[in-house]
Amino acid sequence: MTARKCASIVFLLLLFTSLVQASAPQTAGVSPDNPIFWRIEIFFEDINVAVTSDPAVKVQKSLDHAEERVAEVEKMLRWNKTDAAEKALNKYDTILEKTQTVITTIDDDDKQQALKRELEINASLATYISHLVELQALIASTSHDATQTALLAKISERMTTTTASLEQVLADKKQQTETAVKANGVTDDVLLQMEQDIQEGIGQTKNVEDQLDSLQKMNLTSFVDTAADIASNDSLMTSLAANATSLAEQAVDAAAEFLEENQSSSSSQQTHATATISDASSRNKLKVDGAITADQQQKINILYQQLQTENTEAEIEIAVSQTDSGYWKIEKEIDGTLSAQQTAQLTDLLLSFSNPTNAVSIKIKYTPVSAPSKSTIVYSGTSDSGVSTNFQIG
């Protein structure tokens, strides 16, 4: 080829389930140290929230995303990437600000329906704050250098301040709606029953005010002033050790359940095959070594067909492998220039390997020809489930 452009992207994914991942439903996936994929994830999260019409559901989704940003902060601090942690923290602030706006703009002619939504948000907020308390305990129980310690103080202050502000906005809005509902003849007993029904319906066991009080008591600023202060505070270290032990026990149970569920589901969806499709001259090639899902196979086929459709000369190699440290890495190399649509399709394929369970090697090669090729159809291989595919190349 006259023009060669090669690029390589490596992402490291934790193989084991961390304490944060076990203690809270929302965990750090694609993180800010992978700026392109992180922005893509944020973009789709924002779109998902924007198209949600129900305020209670919109707030629930926003709180889930905010919780994920905090988990990303913890992950980036653990990996000593303070700049990336700052990015996640700034996005966290933005999410909480928008969430406040959603709450203040809840307006319904049916005040009881409006109150129902506010009570649902109240329940979601209680769960969210309880997860923040667990994250605070986890972050505090890890040793940090001076730069990380300063950032920890900022994190603690923001988490406590923004959450307290959000709780106050919701409390004020709920009080206004309750007053309007009572004006229509609804009694306190009916309102209390409504709140209890909602709490039971979603399994809420934690009170917002109590959880907020716990968060404020967990304020990291008081014990992250210096590493020396932390090390010399025996009672604090005892408390943190107890916290870490409790979280570790939860992590073991949750990790076992998670692995059992996901291993059984992923094994049923994957096809185990080695497929090579090429013409006699090896001018074109589509090769997959390893276990992939039907969805991943479809994405590979779509990308290959797009190279044919646009008559693009390119060779793409993707390797998913595990390091000695237990991390997964995904390496990509491109020989040639892809169009915007092909790049988007390739990105979509790479994202499908964000939670790998086995090594995979993929090679996609296409070379345009000026005249139709006389190559023959070559059998591609058969999966364990008996699925086979034939391809005509050229």
Protein backbone atom coordinates (compact mmCIF):
# COMPACT_ATOMS: atom_id res chain seq x y z
CA MET A 1 0.00 0.00 0.00
CA THR A 2 1.21 3.53 -0.75
CA ALA A 3 -0.27 5.06 2.36
CA ARG A 4 -0.04 3.35 5.69
CA LYS A 5 -1.61 4.60 8.86
CA CYS A 6 -1.31 2.50 11.96
CA ALA A 7 -2.95 3.14 15.31
CA SER A 8 -2.99 1.16 18.49
CA ILE A 9 -5.37 1.52 21.39
CA VAL A 10 -4.92 -0.41 24.58
CA PHE A 11 -7.48 -0.45 27.32
CA LEU A 12 -6.95 -2.12 30.67
CA LEU A 13 -10.00 -3.57 32.39
CA LEU A 14 -9.97 -4.94 35.95
CA LEU A 15 -10.56 -8.67 35.95
CA PHE A 16 -11.58 -8.86 39.56
CA THR A 17 -14.59 -7.22 41.21
CA SER A 18 -13.48 -4.34 43.44
CA LEU A 19 -15.07 -3.30 46.70
CA VAL A 20 -16.75 -0.36 45.02
CA GLN A 21 -18.29 -2.64 42.45
CA ALA A 22 -19.69 -4.89 45.11
CA SER A 23 -21.04 -2.18 47.42
CA ALA A 24 -22.92 -0.16 44.80
CA PRO A 25 -24.95 -1.09 41.73
CA GLN A 26 -23.31 1.58 39.56
CA THR A 27 -19.61 0.94 38.98
CA ALA A 28 -16.78 2.47 37.00
CA GLY A 29 -16.79 1.08 33.48
CA VAL A 30 -15.14 3.12 30.74
CA SER A 31 -13.22 5.78 32.67
CA PRO A 32 -11.95 9.32 31.87
CA ASP A 33 -8.44 8.06 31.13
CA ASN A 34 -9.96 6.69 27.91
CA PRO A 35 -11.31 10.10 26.82
CA ILE A 36 -12.84 9.12 23.47
CA PHE A 37 -14.85 6.14 24.72
CA TRP A 38 -15.67 7.93 27.98
CA ARG A 39 -17.16 10.88 26.08
CA ILE A 40 -19.14 8.46 23.92
CA GLU A 41 -20.52 6.81 27.05
CA ILE A 42 -21.40 10.20 28.58
CA PHE A 43 -23.05 11.30 25.34
CA PHE A 44 -25.37 8.29 25.26
CA GLU A 45 -26.13 8.65 28.98
CA ASP A 46 -27.15 12.28 28.43
CA ILE A 47 -29.32 11.32 25.46
CA ASN A 48 -30.98 8.57 27.49
CA VAL A 49 -31.86 11.02 30.27
CA ALA A 50 -33.00 13.71 27.83
CA VAL A 51 -35.54 11.47 26.09
CA THR A 52 -37.01 10.25 29.40
CA SER A 53 -40.29 12.04 30.08
CA ASP A 54 -41.16 10.77 33.58
CA PRO A 55 -39.35 13.05 36.09
CA ALA A 56 -38.95 10.25 38.66
CA VAL A 57 -37.32 7.95 36.13
CA LYS A 58 -35.21 10.82 34.79
CA VAL A 59 -33.88 11.56 38.29
CA GLN A 60 -33.25 7.86 38.96
CA LYS A 61 -31.15 7.57 35.80
CA SER A 62 -29.27 10.77 36.66
CA LEU A 63 -28.46 9.52 40.16
CA ASP A 64 -27.20 6.24 38.70
CA HIS A 65 -24.91 8.20 36.37
CA ALA A 66 -23.73 10.45 39.22
CA GLU A 67 -22.93 7.38 41.28
CA GLU A 68 -20.91 5.96 38.40
CA ARG A 69 -18.92 9.21 38.19
CA VAL A 70 -17.99 8.88 41.88
CA ALA A 71 -16.93 5.27 41.27
CA GLU A 72 -14.76 6.55 38.40
CA VAL A 73 -13.17 9.09 40.74
CA GLU A 74 -12.28 6.28 43.15
CA LYS A 75 -10.90 4.16 40.31
CA MET A 76 -8.77 6.98 38.91
CA LEU A 77 -7.36 7.79 42.35
CA ARG A 78 -6.49 4.13 42.78
CA TRP A 79 -4.65 4.25 39.47
CA ASN A 80 -2.95 7.53 40.45
CA LYS A 81 -4.63 9.50 37.64
CA THR A 82 -5.73 12.67 39.42
CA ASP A 83 -6.48 14.65 36.24
CA ALA A 84 -8.90 11.97 35.08
CA ALA A 85 -10.45 11.90 38.56
CA GLU A 86 -11.04 15.66 38.30
CA LYS A 87 -12.88 15.17 34.99
CA ALA A 88 -15.22 12.62 36.54
CA LEU A 89 -15.80 14.89 39.53
CA ASN A 90 -16.68 17.87 37.30
CA LYS A 91 -19.18 15.74 35.39
CA TYR A 92 -20.64 14.63 38.71
CA ASP A 93 -21.30 18.27 39.61
CA THR A 94 -23.01 18.89 36.27
CA ILE A 95 -25.31 15.89 36.72
CA LEU A 96 -26.39 16.99 40.21
CA GLU A 97 -27.12 20.53 38.99
CA LYS A 98 -29.34 19.23 36.18
CA THR A 99 -31.07 16.85 38.59
CA GLN A 100 -32.01 19.76 40.86
CA THR A 101 -33.54 21.52 37.86
CA VAL A 102 -35.63 18.45 37.02
CA ILE A 103 -36.99 18.29 40.58
CA THR A 104 -37.89 21.98 40.75
CA THR A 105 -39.73 21.83 37.43
CA ILE A 106 -42.01 18.89 38.31
CA ASP A 107 -45.48 20.22 37.54
CA ASP A 108 -48.66 18.22 37.24
CA ASP A 109 -52.30 19.26 37.36
CA ASP A 110 -52.86 16.08 39.34
CA LYS A 111 -51.04 17.01 42.56
CA GLN A 112 -51.31 13.49 43.94
CA GLN A 113 -49.51 12.19 40.86
CA ALA A 114 -46.85 14.88 41.30
CA LEU A 115 -46.43 13.88 44.95
CA LYS A 116 -46.14 10.23 43.95
CA ARG A 117 -43.25 11.10 41.63
CA GLU A 118 -41.55 13.16 44.34
CA LEU A 119 -41.87 10.28 46.81
CA GLU A 120 -40.34 7.93 44.25
CA ILE A 121 -37.45 10.38 43.81
CA ASN A 122 -37.11 10.54 47.60
CA ALA A 123 -36.73 6.76 47.73
CA SER A 124 -34.14 6.80 44.93
CA LEU A 125 -32.21 9.54 46.74
CA ALA A 126 -32.08 7.48 49.95
CA THR A 127 -30.49 4.55 48.12
CA TYR A 128 -28.11 6.87 46.26
CA ILE A 129 -26.86 8.51 49.47
CA SER A 130 -26.33 5.12 51.14
CA HIS A 131 -24.07 4.16 48.24
CA LEU A 132 -22.11 7.41 48.62
CA VAL A 133 -21.51 6.58 52.29
CA GLU A 134 -20.02 3.22 51.26
CA LEU A 135 -17.86 4.90 48.61
CA GLN A 136 -16.64 7.45 51.17
CA ALA A 137 -15.61 4.63 53.51
CA LEU A 138 -13.80 2.82 50.71
CA ILE A 139 -11.94 5.90 49.50
CA ALA A 140 -10.92 6.86 53.03
CA SER A 141 -9.57 3.38 53.80
CA THR A 142 -7.00 3.63 50.98
CA SER A 143 -3.65 5.38 51.42
CA HIS A 144 -3.05 8.44 49.22
CA ASP A 145 -0.26 10.90 48.52
CA ALA A 146 -0.50 14.67 49.13
CA THR A 147 -2.08 15.48 45.75
CA GLN A 148 -4.66 12.73 46.10
CA THR A 149 -5.38 13.76 49.68
CA ALA A 150 -6.16 17.33 48.56
CA LEU A 151 -8.49 15.99 45.89
CA LEU A 152 -10.16 13.74 48.47
CA ALA A 153 -11.03 16.77 50.56
CA LYS A 154 -12.58 18.41 47.50
CA ILE A 155 -14.52 15.25 46.66
CA SER A 156 -15.88 14.96 50.18
CA GLU A 157 -16.96 18.58 50.30
CA ARG A 158 -18.69 18.44 46.92
CA MET A 159 -20.42 15.14 47.58
CA THR A 160 -21.77 16.31 50.91
CA THR A 161 -22.72 19.83 49.79
CA THR A 162 -24.38 18.91 46.49
CA THR A 163 -26.26 15.97 47.99
CA ALA A 164 -27.53 18.05 50.92
CA SER A 165 -28.61 20.76 48.49
CA LEU A 166 -30.44 18.20 46.35
CA GLU A 167 -32.19 16.76 49.39
CA GLN A 168 -33.28 20.24 50.51
CA VAL A 169 -34.65 21.11 47.05
CA LEU A 170 -36.66 17.88 47.04
CA ALA A 171 -37.91 18.40 50.60
CA ASP A 172 -39.11 21.93 49.78
CA LYS A 173 -40.82 20.77 46.59
CA LYS A 174 -42.45 17.84 48.36
CA GLN A 175 -43.73 20.09 51.12
CA GLN A 176 -45.31 22.45 48.57
CA THR A 177 -47.02 19.57 46.81
CA GLU A 178 -48.25 18.04 50.08
CA THR A 179 -49.78 21.39 51.02
CA ALA A 180 -51.59 21.52 47.67
CA VAL A 181 -52.81 17.93 48.09
CA LYS A 182 -54.11 18.62 51.60
CA ALA A 183 -55.98 21.64 50.26
CA ASN A 184 -57.95 19.17 48.12
CA GLY A 185 -59.05 17.26 51.23
CA VAL A 186 -56.41 14.52 51.43
CA THR A 187 -55.53 13.66 55.05
CA ASP A 188 -52.12 13.07 56.64
CA ASP A 189 -52.98 9.38 57.08
CA VAL A 190 -53.58 9.00 53.35
CA LEU A 191 -50.29 10.76 52.57
CA LEU A 192 -48.41 8.52 55.01
CA GLN A 193 -49.95 5.41 53.48
CA MET A 194 -49.02 6.64 49.99
CA GLU A 195 -45.39 7.05 51.04
CA GLN A 196 -45.29 3.62 52.70
CA ASP A 197 -46.79 1.96 49.61
CA ILE A 198 -44.12 3.52 47.39
CA GLN A 199 -41.31 2.51 49.75
CA GLU A 200 -42.57 -1.07 49.89
CA GLY A 201 -43.10 -1.15 46.13
CA ILE A 202 -39.44 -0.40 45.37
CA GLY A 203 -37.98 -2.08 48.44
CA GLN A 204 -36.77 1.10 50.17
CA THR A 205 -35.41 0.38 53.63
CA LYS A 206 -33.40 3.56 54.23
CA ASN A 207 -34.50 7.03 55.24
CA VAL A 208 -33.12 10.03 53.31
CA GLU A 209 -32.48 12.15 56.38
CA ASP A 210 -30.68 9.35 58.21
CA GLN A 211 -28.53 8.54 55.19
CA LEU A 212 -27.65 12.21 54.68
CA ASP A 213 -26.64 12.44 58.33
CA SER A 214 -24.36 9.43 57.86
CA LEU A 215 -22.82 11.02 54.78
CA GLN A 216 -22.11 14.25 56.64
CA LYS A 217 -20.56 12.32 59.52
CA MET A 218 -18.40 10.45 57.01
CA ASN A 219 -17.09 13.79 55.66
CA LEU A 220 -13.56 12.93 54.62
CA THR A 221 -12.23 16.44 55.15
CA SER A 222 -11.91 15.84 58.88
CA PHE A 223 -9.48 12.96 58.43
CA VAL A 224 -7.65 13.51 55.17
CA ASP A 225 -5.83 16.70 56.16
CA THR A 226 -2.50 14.88 56.13
CA ALA A 227 -1.39 11.28 55.83
CA ALA A 228 0.38 11.61 59.16
CA ASP A 229 -2.84 12.57 60.94
CA ILE A 230 -4.56 9.54 59.49
CA ALA A 231 -1.77 7.19 60.45
CA SER A 232 -1.65 8.48 64.04
CA ASN A 233 -5.40 8.26 64.63
CA ASP A 234 -5.81 4.74 66.04
CA SER A 235 -9.55 4.99 66.61
CA LEU A 236 -10.11 6.20 63.06
CA MET A 237 -8.03 3.39 61.58
CA THR A 238 -9.95 0.86 63.68
CA SER A 239 -13.21 2.26 62.35
CA LEU A 240 -11.97 2.21 58.77
CA ALA A 241 -10.70 -1.34 59.17
CA ALA A 242 -14.12 -2.45 60.40
CA ASN A 243 -15.71 -0.65 57.46
CA ALA A 244 -13.36 -2.31 55.01
CA THR A 245 -14.00 -5.75 56.54
CA SER A 246 -17.76 -5.30 56.23
CA LEU A 247 -17.44 -4.16 52.62
CA ALA A 248 -15.13 -7.06 51.84
CA GLU A 249 -17.68 -9.57 53.11
CA GLN A 250 -20.32 -7.94 50.93
CA ALA A 251 -17.90 -8.03 48.00
CA VAL A 252 -17.32 -11.77 48.30
CA ASP A 253 -21.05 -12.56 48.29
CA ALA A 254 -21.88 -10.11 45.51
CA ALA A 255 -18.94 -11.18 43.35
CA ALA A 256 -19.89 -14.86 43.65
CA GLU A 257 -23.48 -14.11 42.67
CA PHE A 258 -22.38 -11.84 39.80
CA LEU A 259 -19.94 -14.36 38.36
CA GLU A 260 -22.43 -17.22 38.63
CA GLU A 261 -25.13 -15.27 36.78
CA ASN A 262 -22.89 -13.80 34.10
CA GLN A 263 -20.86 -16.91 33.37
CA SER A 264 -24.00 -18.96 32.74
CA SER A 265 -25.58 -16.32 30.51
CA SER A 266 -22.45 -15.50 28.52
CA SER A 267 -21.62 -19.14 27.85
CA SER A 268 -25.02 -19.71 26.27
CA GLN A 269 -24.66 -16.71 23.99
CA GLN A 270 -21.12 -17.27 22.74
CA THR A 271 -20.16 -19.28 19.70
CA HIS A 272 -16.80 -21.05 19.85
CA ALA A 273 -15.28 -21.22 16.39
CA THR A 274 -12.22 -20.53 14.35
CA ALA A 275 -13.27 -19.14 11.00
CA THR A 276 -11.13 -18.08 8.07
CA ILE A 277 -12.61 -16.77 4.83
CA SER A 278 -10.25 -15.81 2.02
CA ASP A 279 -9.83 -16.10 -1.73
CA ALA A 280 -7.03 -18.02 -3.43
CA SER A 281 -4.67 -15.05 -3.49
CA SER A 282 -5.27 -14.10 0.17
CA ARG A 283 -6.16 -10.66 -1.13
CA ASN A 284 -9.20 -10.53 1.15
CA LYS A 285 -9.52 -12.12 4.55
CA LEU A 286 -11.95 -12.27 7.47
CA LYS A 287 -10.58 -14.36 10.32
CA VAL A 288 -11.82 -14.88 13.89
CA ASP A 289 -10.00 -17.03 16.46
CA GLY A 290 -11.76 -17.42 19.80
CA ALA A 291 -15.23 -17.31 21.31
CA ILE A 292 -17.46 -14.40 20.33
CA THR A 293 -21.15 -13.65 20.67
CA ALA A 294 -23.61 -13.62 17.80
CA ASP A 295 -23.86 -9.85 18.18
CA GLN A 296 -20.08 -9.45 17.87
CA GLN A 297 -20.05 -11.70 14.79
CA GLN A 298 -22.72 -9.51 13.23
CA LYS A 299 -20.71 -6.35 13.95
CA ILE A 300 -17.64 -7.92 12.32
CA ASN A 301 -19.64 -8.86 9.24
CA ILE A 302 -21.16 -5.39 8.98
CA LEU A 303 -17.72 -3.74 9.10
CA TYR A 304 -16.32 -6.13 6.49
CA GLN A 305 -19.29 -5.56 4.19
CA GLN A 306 -18.88 -1.80 4.57
CA LEU A 307 -15.26 -2.06 3.41
CA GLN A 308 -16.54 -3.89 0.34
CA THR A 309 -19.38 -1.42 -0.26
CA GLU A 310 -17.06 1.61 -0.11
CA ASN A 311 -14.27 -0.27 -1.89
CA THR A 312 -11.85 0.62 0.92
CA GLU A 313 -8.38 -0.89 1.00
CA ALA A 314 -7.69 -1.67 4.66
CA GLU A 315 -6.43 -4.30 7.06
CA ILE A 316 -7.69 -4.31 10.65
CA GLU A 317 -6.35 -6.50 13.44
CA ILE A 318 -7.91 -6.74 16.91
CA ALA A 319 -6.47 -8.78 19.79
CA VAL A 320 -8.16 -9.30 23.15
CA SER A 321 -5.83 -10.85 25.72
CA GLN A 322 -5.15 -11.04 29.44
CA THR A 323 -1.97 -9.75 31.08
CA ASP A 324 -0.05 -11.48 33.87
CA SER A 325 -1.46 -8.87 36.28
CA GLY A 326 -5.01 -10.01 35.64
CA TYR A 327 -5.98 -7.10 33.42
CA TRP A 328 -7.54 -7.44 29.99
CA LYS A 329 -6.12 -5.47 27.12
CA ILE A 330 -7.63 -4.80 23.73
CA GLU A 331 -5.16 -3.93 20.97
CA LYS A 332 -6.22 -2.52 17.63
CA GLU A 333 -4.06 -1.94 14.56
CA ILE A 334 -5.27 -0.38 11.31
CA ASP A 335 -3.40 -0.44 8.02
CA GLY A 336 -5.24 1.96 5.71
CA THR A 337 -7.68 4.83 6.09
CA LEU A 338 -11.25 4.22 7.24
CA SER A 339 -14.27 6.38 6.46
CA ALA A 340 -16.31 7.99 9.24
CA GLN A 341 -18.95 5.27 9.02
CA GLN A 342 -16.35 2.50 9.09
CA THR A 343 -14.65 4.12 12.09
CA ALA A 344 -17.98 4.27 13.93
CA GLN A 345 -18.64 0.60 13.14
CA LEU A 346 -15.17 -0.35 14.37
CA THR A 347 -15.70 1.62 17.59
CA ASP A 348 -19.01 -0.17 18.11
CA LEU A 349 -17.23 -3.50 17.69
CA LEU A 350 -14.48 -2.57 20.16
CA LEU A 351 -17.00 -1.46 22.78
CA SER A 352 -18.67 -4.87 22.58
CA PHE A 353 -15.46 -6.32 24.07
CA SER A 354 -15.49 -3.97 27.11
CA ASN A 355 -16.14 -6.94 29.45
CA PRO A 356 -14.07 -9.78 27.92
CA THR A 357 -14.08 -13.32 29.29
CA ASN A 358 -11.66 -14.98 26.88
CA ALA A 359 -8.91 -14.23 24.39
CA VAL A 360 -9.99 -13.37 20.85
CA SER A 361 -8.06 -12.55 17.67
CA ILE A 362 -9.77 -10.87 14.71
CA LYS A 363 -8.37 -9.97 11.29
CA ILE A 364 -10.33 -8.11 8.63
CA LYS A 365 -8.61 -7.46 5.30
CA TYR A 366 -10.04 -6.09 2.07
CA THR A 367 -8.23 -5.13 -1.14
CA PRO A 368 -10.27 -3.56 -3.98
CA VAL A 369 -10.01 -5.02 -7.47
CA SER A 370 -10.59 -3.35 -10.81
CA ALA A 371 -12.44 -6.33 -12.26
CA PRO A 372 -14.68 -8.99 -10.70
CA SER A 373 -12.78 -11.81 -9.06
CA LYS A 374 -13.31 -15.45 -10.00
CA SER A 375 -12.82 -16.63 -6.46
CA THR A 376 -15.06 -19.33 -5.16
CA ILE A 377 -17.20 -19.55 -2.06
CA VAL A 378 -15.21 -20.90 0.88
CA TYR A 379 -16.81 -22.53 3.93
CA SER A 380 -16.20 -20.43 7.02
CA GLY A 381 -16.53 -22.92 9.82
CA THR A 382 -19.16 -24.16 12.24
CA SER A 383 -19.90 -23.06 15.82
CA ASP A 384 -20.67 -25.40 18.71
CA SER A 385 -24.36 -24.64 18.22
CA GLY A 386 -24.18 -25.79 14.59
CA VAL A 387 -24.35 -22.35 12.97
CA SER A 388 -22.28 -21.96 9.79
CA THR A 389 -21.71 -19.17 7.29
CA ASN A 390 -20.54 -19.05 3.68
CA PHE A 391 -18.85 -16.03 2.14
CA GLN A 392 -18.01 -15.01 -1.42
CA ILE A 393 -14.96 -12.79 -1.56
CA GLY A 394 -13.97 -10.69 -4.56
